[in-house]
Amino acid sequence: MSLYESIHRNAAPGTKASFEYLLVYLACFALYFLPVVTRRLNRRARKSAGCSTSIMSETGALAANCAASSFSGL
């Protein structure tokens, strides 16, 4: 048996690390949602140029960066 087969033989499809990442992502998403909405409403009040991304995608990108950096040891 090769080393590759012995390491990946009993790998679970849903690991604990992905569940922890999802929990951190959801917490970051909840924290960033209100500031993103507030910033978008302030832009509309000032009648500046519209953004091409949605509020959900902007919040999702911020939350993904936050969750990824929390596991990178920074």
PDB file of N, CA and C in Angstrom:
ATOM      1  N   MET A   1       0.851  -1.170   0.000  1.00  0.00           N
ATOM      2  CA  MET A   1       0.000   0.000   0.000  1.00  0.00           C
ATOM      3  C   MET A   1       0.900   1.238   0.000  1.00  0.00           C
ATOM      4  N   SER A   2       0.577   2.159  -0.874  1.00  0.00           N
ATOM      5  CA  SER A   2       1.388   3.368  -0.944  1.00  0.00           C
ATOM      6  C   SER A   2       0.983   4.351   0.151  1.00  0.00           C
ATOM      7  N   LEU A   3       1.807   5.338   0.351  1.00  0.00           N
ATOM      8  CA  LEU A   3       1.527   6.346   1.377  1.00  0.00           C
ATOM      9  C   LEU A   3       0.276   7.138   1.030  1.00  0.00           C
ATOM     10  N   TYR A   4       0.075   7.437  -0.254  1.00  0.00           N
ATOM     11  CA  TYR A   4      -1.100   8.187  -0.687  1.00  0.00           C
ATOM     12  C   TYR A   4      -2.381   7.439  -0.338  1.00  0.00           C
ATOM     13  N   GLU A   5      -2.407   6.130  -0.579  1.00  0.00           N
ATOM     14  CA  GLU A   5      -3.602   5.339  -0.296  1.00  0.00           C
ATOM     15  C   GLU A   5      -3.881   5.258   1.195  1.00  0.00           C
ATOM     16  N   SER A   6      -2.848   5.158   1.999  1.00  0.00           N
ATOM     17  CA  SER A   6      -3.063   5.026   3.435  1.00  0.00           C
ATOM     18  C   SER A   6      -3.532   6.336   4.064  1.00  0.00           C
ATOM     19  N   ILE A   7      -3.118   7.460   3.531  1.00  0.00           N
ATOM     20  CA  ILE A   7      -3.524   8.748   4.097  1.00  0.00           C
ATOM     21  C   ILE A   7      -4.962   9.082   3.725  1.00  0.00           C
ATOM     22  N   HIS A   8      -5.341   8.885   2.472  1.00  0.00           N
ATOM     23  CA  HIS A   8      -6.652   9.317   1.991  1.00  0.00           C
ATOM     24  C   HIS A   8      -7.703   8.204   2.014  1.00  0.00           C
ATOM     25  N   ARG A   9      -7.376   7.101   2.599  1.00  0.00           N
ATOM     26  CA  ARG A   9      -8.288   5.971   2.563  1.00  0.00           C
ATOM     27  C   ARG A   9      -9.552   6.216   3.370  1.00  0.00           C
ATOM     28  N   ASN A  10      -9.443   6.776   4.545  1.00  0.00           N
ATOM     29  CA  ASN A  10     -10.597   6.963   5.419  1.00  0.00           C
ATOM     30  C   ASN A  10     -10.972   8.435   5.588  1.00  0.00           C
ATOM     31  N   ALA A  11     -10.733   9.221   4.585  1.00  0.00           N
ATOM     32  CA  ALA A  11     -11.051  10.651   4.675  1.00  0.00           C
ATOM     33  C   ALA A  11     -12.560  10.841   4.613  1.00  0.00           C
ATOM     34  N   ALA A  12     -13.086  11.560   5.562  1.00  0.00           N
ATOM     35  CA  ALA A  12     -14.520  11.833   5.599  1.00  0.00           C
ATOM     36  C   ALA A  12     -14.855  12.941   4.610  1.00  0.00           C
ATOM     37  N   PRO A  13     -16.011  12.856   3.931  1.00  0.00           N
ATOM     38  CA  PRO A  13     -16.354  13.897   2.956  1.00  0.00           C
ATOM     39  C   PRO A  13     -16.619  15.260   3.595  1.00  0.00           C
ATOM     40  N   GLY A  14     -17.243  15.311   4.756  1.00  0.00           N
ATOM     41  CA  GLY A  14     -17.491  16.573   5.442  1.00  0.00           C
ATOM     42  C   GLY A  14     -16.595  16.666   6.657  1.00  0.00           C
ATOM     43  N   THR A  15     -15.500  17.343   6.546  1.00  0.00           N
ATOM     44  CA  THR A  15     -14.549  17.379   7.644  1.00  0.00           C
ATOM     45  C   THR A  15     -14.917  18.451   8.655  1.00  0.00           C
ATOM     46  N   LYS A  16     -14.305  18.351   9.815  1.00  0.00           N
ATOM     47  CA  LYS A  16     -14.535  19.321  10.880  1.00  0.00           C
ATOM     48  C   LYS A  16     -14.013  20.693  10.476  1.00  0.00           C
ATOM     49  N   ALA A  17     -12.925  20.720   9.703  1.00  0.00           N
ATOM     50  CA  ALA A  17     -12.343  21.994   9.279  1.00  0.00           C
ATOM     51  C   ALA A  17     -13.310  22.771   8.392  1.00  0.00           C
ATOM     52  N   SER A  18     -14.017  22.098   7.504  1.00  0.00           N
ATOM     53  CA  SER A  18     -14.953  22.814   6.644  1.00  0.00           C
ATOM     54  C   SER A  18     -16.154  23.320   7.445  1.00  0.00           C
ATOM     55  N   PHE A  19     -16.558  22.558   8.474  1.00  0.00           N
ATOM     56  CA  PHE A  19     -17.655  23.009   9.323  1.00  0.00           C
ATOM     57  C   PHE A  19     -17.245  24.238  10.123  1.00  0.00           C
ATOM     58  N   GLU A  20     -16.015  24.227  10.641  1.00  0.00           N
ATOM     59  CA  GLU A  20     -15.516  25.389  11.377  1.00  0.00           C
ATOM     60  C   GLU A  20     -15.393  26.602  10.458  1.00  0.00           C
ATOM     61  N   TYR A  21     -14.935  26.381   9.229  1.00  0.00           N
ATOM     62  CA  TYR A  21     -14.847  27.474   8.258  1.00  0.00           C
ATOM     63  C   TYR A  21     -16.230  28.066   8.004  1.00  0.00           C
ATOM     64  N   LEU A  22     -17.227  27.203   7.859  1.00  0.00           N
ATOM     65  CA  LEU A  22     -18.584  27.672   7.619  1.00  0.00           C
ATOM     66  C   LEU A  22     -19.102  28.489   8.791  1.00  0.00           C
ATOM     67  N   LEU A  23     -18.816  28.060  10.006  1.00  0.00           N
ATOM     68  CA  LEU A  23     -19.244  28.825  11.181  1.00  0.00           C
ATOM     69  C   LEU A  23     -18.580  30.199  11.230  1.00  0.00           C
ATOM     70  N   VAL A  24     -17.281  30.253  10.948  1.00  0.00           N
ATOM     71  CA  VAL A  24     -16.577  31.538  10.945  1.00  0.00           C
ATOM     72  C   VAL A  24     -17.095  32.415   9.812  1.00  0.00           C
ATOM     73  N   TYR A  25     -17.350  31.816   8.640  1.00  0.00           N
ATOM     74  CA  TYR A  25     -17.880  32.562   7.501  1.00  0.00           C
ATOM     75  C   TYR A  25     -19.233  33.182   7.844  1.00  0.00           C
ATOM     76  N   LEU A  26     -20.112  32.401   8.447  1.00  0.00           N
ATOM     77  CA  LEU A  26     -21.439  32.922   8.804  1.00  0.00           C
ATOM     78  C   LEU A  26     -21.359  34.033   9.852  1.00  0.00           C
ATOM     79  N   ALA A  27     -20.456  33.896  10.808  1.00  0.00           N
ATOM     80  CA  ALA A  27     -20.286  34.949  11.812  1.00  0.00           C
ATOM     81  C   ALA A  27     -19.761  36.224  11.168  1.00  0.00           C
ATOM     82  N   CYS A  28     -18.786  36.090  10.283  1.00  0.00           N
ATOM     83  CA  CYS A  28     -18.242  37.267   9.591  1.00  0.00           C
ATOM     84  C   CYS A  28     -19.293  37.899   8.679  1.00  0.00           C
ATOM     85  N   PHE A  29     -20.095  37.056   8.008  1.00  0.00           N
ATOM     86  CA  PHE A  29     -21.143  37.572   7.141  1.00  0.00           C
ATOM     87  C   PHE A  29     -22.139  38.401   7.937  1.00  0.00           C
ATOM     88  N   ALA A  30     -22.527  37.903   9.108  1.00  0.00           N
ATOM     89  CA  ALA A  30     -23.478  38.630   9.951  1.00  0.00           C
ATOM     90  C   ALA A  30     -22.891  39.956  10.440  1.00  0.00           C
ATOM     91  N   LEU A  31     -21.596  39.955  10.739  1.00  0.00           N
ATOM     92  CA  LEU A  31     -20.964  41.183  11.224  1.00  0.00           C
ATOM     93  C   LEU A  31     -20.762  42.226  10.118  1.00  0.00           C
ATOM     94  N   TYR A  32     -20.485  41.776   8.904  1.00  0.00           N
ATOM     95  CA  TYR A  32     -20.219  42.706   7.800  1.00  0.00           C
ATOM     96  C   TYR A  32     -21.474  43.170   7.071  1.00  0.00           C
ATOM     97  N   PHE A  33     -22.586  42.494   7.264  1.00  0.00           N
ATOM     98  CA  PHE A  33     -23.783  42.823   6.490  1.00  0.00           C
ATOM     99  C   PHE A  33     -24.278  44.243   6.756  1.00  0.00           C
ATOM    100  N   LEU A  34     -24.410  44.618   8.003  1.00  0.00           N
ATOM    101  CA  LEU A  34     -24.928  45.947   8.336  1.00  0.00           C
ATOM    102  C   LEU A  34     -24.021  47.076   7.842  1.00  0.00           C
ATOM    103  N   PRO A  35     -22.704  47.009   8.014  1.00  0.00           N
ATOM    104  CA  PRO A  35     -21.859  48.081   7.481  1.00  0.00           C
ATOM    105  C   PRO A  35     -21.922  48.214   5.950  1.00  0.00           C
ATOM    106  N   VAL A  36     -22.051  47.088   5.248  1.00  0.00           N
ATOM    107  CA  VAL A  36     -22.145  47.155   3.787  1.00  0.00           C
ATOM    108  C   VAL A  36     -23.456  47.813   3.369  1.00  0.00           C
ATOM    109  N   VAL A  37     -24.549  47.449   4.017  1.00  0.00           N
ATOM    110  CA  VAL A  37     -25.848  48.056   3.704  1.00  0.00           C
ATOM    111  C   VAL A  37     -25.817  49.550   4.010  1.00  0.00           C
ATOM    112  N   THR A  38     -25.245  49.929   5.139  1.00  0.00           N
ATOM    113  CA  THR A  38     -25.156  51.341   5.510  1.00  0.00           C
ATOM    114  C   THR A  38     -24.331  52.129   4.495  1.00  0.00           C
ATOM    115  N   ARG A  39     -23.223  51.547   4.060  1.00  0.00           N
ATOM    116  CA  ARG A  39     -22.383  52.229   3.066  1.00  0.00           C
ATOM    117  C   ARG A  39     -23.124  52.391   1.744  1.00  0.00           C
ATOM    118  N   ARG A  40     -23.874  51.369   1.342  1.00  0.00           N
ATOM    119  CA  ARG A  40     -24.635  51.472   0.096  1.00  0.00           C
ATOM    120  C   ARG A  40     -25.739  52.521   0.193  1.00  0.00           C
ATOM    121  N   LEU A  41     -26.406  52.596   1.341  1.00  0.00           N
ATOM    122  CA  LEU A  41     -27.464  53.600   1.497  1.00  0.00           C
ATOM    123  C   LEU A  41     -26.890  55.013   1.502  1.00  0.00           C
ATOM    124  N   ASN A  42     -25.720  55.191   2.077  1.00  0.00           N
ATOM    125  CA  ASN A  42     -25.078  56.505   2.066  1.00  0.00           C
ATOM    126  C   ASN A  42     -24.677  56.901   0.652  1.00  0.00           C
ATOM    127  N   ARG A  43     -24.246  55.949  -0.151  1.00  0.00           N
ATOM    128  CA  ARG A  43     -23.911  56.256  -1.555  1.00  0.00           C
ATOM    129  C   ARG A  43     -25.134  56.714  -2.317  1.00  0.00           C
ATOM    130  N   ARG A  44     -26.257  56.048  -2.097  1.00  0.00           N
ATOM    131  CA  ARG A  44     -27.484  56.435  -2.805  1.00  0.00           C
ATOM    132  C   ARG A  44     -27.975  57.796  -2.346  1.00  0.00           C
ATOM    133  N   ALA A  45     -27.802  58.108  -1.078  1.00  0.00           N
ATOM    134  CA  ALA A  45     -28.228  59.413  -0.566  1.00  0.00           C
ATOM    135  C   ALA A  45     -27.395  60.522  -1.194  1.00  0.00           C
ATOM    136  N   ARG A  46     -26.121  60.245  -1.451  1.00  0.00           N
ATOM    137  CA  ARG A  46     -25.253  61.240  -2.079  1.00  0.00           C
ATOM    138  C   ARG A  46     -25.333  61.207  -3.590  1.00  0.00           C
ATOM    139  N   LYS A  47     -26.087  60.238  -4.134  1.00  0.00           N
ATOM    140  CA  LYS A  47     -26.304  60.095  -5.577  1.00  0.00           C
ATOM    141  C   LYS A  47     -25.010  59.898  -6.344  1.00  0.00           C
ATOM    142  N   SER A  48     -24.130  59.085  -5.793  1.00  0.00           N
ATOM    143  CA  SER A  48     -22.897  58.763  -6.508  1.00  0.00           C
ATOM    144  C   SER A  48     -23.150  57.594  -7.448  1.00  0.00           C
ATOM    145  N   ALA A  49     -22.156  57.253  -8.220  1.00  0.00           N
ATOM    146  CA  ALA A  49     -22.281  56.183  -9.211  1.00  0.00           C
ATOM    147  C   ALA A  49     -22.575  54.853  -8.529  1.00  0.00           C
ATOM    148  N   GLY A  50     -23.427  54.055  -9.155  1.00  0.00           N
ATOM    149  CA  GLY A  50     -23.809  52.768  -8.598  1.00  0.00           C
ATOM    150  C   GLY A  50     -22.697  51.737  -8.717  1.00  0.00           C
ATOM    151  N   CYS A  51     -22.771  50.768  -7.865  1.00  0.00           N
ATOM    152  CA  CYS A  51     -21.773  49.703  -7.841  1.00  0.00           C
ATOM    153  C   CYS A  51     -22.279  48.539  -8.695  1.00  0.00           C
ATOM    154  N   SER A  52     -21.381  47.793  -9.303  1.00  0.00           N
ATOM    155  CA  SER A  52     -21.788  46.702 -10.176  1.00  0.00           C
ATOM    156  C   SER A  52     -22.063  45.410  -9.418  1.00  0.00           C
ATOM    157  N   THR A  53     -21.646  45.319  -8.160  1.00  0.00           N
ATOM    158  CA  THR A  53     -21.879  44.098  -7.390  1.00  0.00           C
ATOM    159  C   THR A  53     -23.072  44.263  -6.458  1.00  0.00           C
ATOM    160  N   SER A  54     -23.661  43.153  -6.076  1.00  0.00           N
ATOM    161  CA  SER A  54     -24.789  43.201  -5.155  1.00  0.00           C
ATOM    162  C   SER A  54     -24.288  43.300  -3.718  1.00  0.00           C
ATOM    163  N   ILE A  55     -25.187  43.634  -2.840  1.00  0.00           N
ATOM    164  CA  ILE A  55     -24.851  43.729  -1.420  1.00  0.00           C
ATOM    165  C   ILE A  55     -24.443  42.364  -0.885  1.00  0.00           C
ATOM    166  N   MET A  56     -25.157  41.325  -1.308  1.00  0.00           N
ATOM    167  CA  MET A  56     -24.848  39.976  -0.828  1.00  0.00           C
ATOM    168  C   MET A  56     -23.483  39.496  -1.320  1.00  0.00           C
ATOM    169  N   SER A  57     -23.147  39.794  -2.569  1.00  0.00           N
ATOM    170  CA  SER A  57     -21.848  39.338  -3.075  1.00  0.00           C
ATOM    171  C   SER A  57     -20.697  40.121  -2.448  1.00  0.00           C
ATOM    172  N   GLU A  58     -20.896  41.406  -2.194  1.00  0.00           N
ATOM    173  CA  GLU A  58     -19.859  42.196  -1.527  1.00  0.00           C
ATOM    174  C   GLU A  58     -19.648  41.715  -0.094  1.00  0.00           C
ATOM    175  N   THR A  59     -20.751  41.445   0.609  1.00  0.00           N
ATOM    176  CA  THR A  59     -20.653  40.937   1.974  1.00  0.00           C
ATOM    177  C   THR A  59     -20.033  39.542   1.982  1.00  0.00           C
ATOM    178  N   GLY A  60     -20.391  38.724   1.008  1.00  0.00           N
ATOM    179  CA  GLY A  60     -19.827  37.385   0.910  1.00  0.00           C
ATOM    180  C   GLY A  60     -18.326  37.400   0.671  1.00  0.00           C
ATOM    181  N   ALA A  61     -17.861  38.330  -0.158  1.00  0.00           N
ATOM    182  CA  ALA A  61     -16.428  38.436  -0.413  1.00  0.00           C
ATOM    183  C   ALA A  61     -15.676  38.884   0.835  1.00  0.00           C
ATOM    184  N   LEU A  62     -16.233  39.834   1.557  1.00  0.00           N
ATOM    185  CA  LEU A  62     -15.606  40.269   2.807  1.00  0.00           C
ATOM    186  C   LEU A  62     -15.573  39.142   3.842  1.00  0.00           C
ATOM    187  N   ALA A  63     -16.660  38.405   3.945  1.00  0.00           N
ATOM    188  CA  ALA A  63     -16.731  37.304   4.904  1.00  0.00           C
ATOM    189  C   ALA A  63     -15.774  36.173   4.521  1.00  0.00           C
ATOM    190  N   ALA A  64     -15.637  35.898   3.239  1.00  0.00           N
ATOM    191  CA  ALA A  64     -14.709  34.850   2.791  1.00  0.00           C
ATOM    192  C   ALA A  64     -13.269  35.248   3.096  1.00  0.00           C
ATOM    193  N   ASN A  65     -12.923  36.513   2.888  1.00  0.00           N
ATOM    194  CA  ASN A  65     -11.576  36.985   3.225  1.00  0.00           C
ATOM    195  C   ASN A  65     -11.322  36.887   4.729  1.00  0.00           C
ATOM    196  N   CYS A  66     -12.317  37.245   5.514  1.00  0.00           N
ATOM    197  CA  CYS A  66     -12.185  37.182   6.976  1.00  0.00           C
ATOM    198  C   CYS A  66     -12.017  35.743   7.441  1.00  0.00           C
ATOM    199  N   ALA A  67     -12.828  34.834   6.915  1.00  0.00           N
ATOM    200  CA  ALA A  67     -12.771  33.426   7.320  1.00  0.00           C
ATOM    201  C   ALA A  67     -11.469  32.783   6.874  1.00  0.00           C
ATOM    202  N   ALA A  68     -11.008  33.090   5.680  1.00  0.00           N
ATOM    203  CA  ALA A  68      -9.766  32.510   5.190  1.00  0.00           C
ATOM    204  C   ALA A  68      -8.578  33.005   5.993  1.00  0.00           C
ATOM    205  N   SER A  69      -8.575  34.280   6.337  1.00  0.00           N
ATOM    206  CA  SER A  69      -7.449  34.812   7.105  1.00  0.00           C
ATOM    207  C   SER A  69      -7.455  34.324   8.544  1.00  0.00           C
ATOM    208  N   SER A  70      -8.613  33.949   9.067  1.00  0.00           N
ATOM    209  CA  SER A  70      -8.651  33.436  10.437  1.00  0.00           C
ATOM    210  C   SER A  70      -8.016  32.052  10.545  1.00  0.00           C
ATOM    211  N   PHE A  71      -7.940  31.298   9.443  1.00  0.00           N
ATOM    212  CA  PHE A  71      -7.324  29.984   9.461  1.00  0.00           C
ATOM    213  C   PHE A  71      -5.895  29.996   8.928  1.00  0.00           C
ATOM    214  N   SER A  72      -5.418  31.134   8.460  1.00  0.00           N
ATOM    215  CA  SER A  72      -4.077  31.177   7.895  1.00  0.00           C
ATOM    216  C   SER A  72      -3.004  31.529   8.929  1.00  0.00           C
ATOM    217  N   GLY A  73      -3.416  31.842  10.126  1.00  0.00           N
ATOM    218  CA  GLY A  73      -2.458  32.137  11.185  1.00  0.00           C
ATOM    219  C   GLY A  73      -1.976  33.565  11.195  1.00  0.00           C
ATOM    220  N   LEU A  74      -2.697  34.459  10.570  1.00  0.00           N
ATOM    221  CA  LEU A  74      -2.300  35.868  10.571  1.00  0.00           C
ATOM    222  C   LEU A  74      -2.740  36.557  11.842  1.00  0.00           C
TER     223      LEU A  74
END
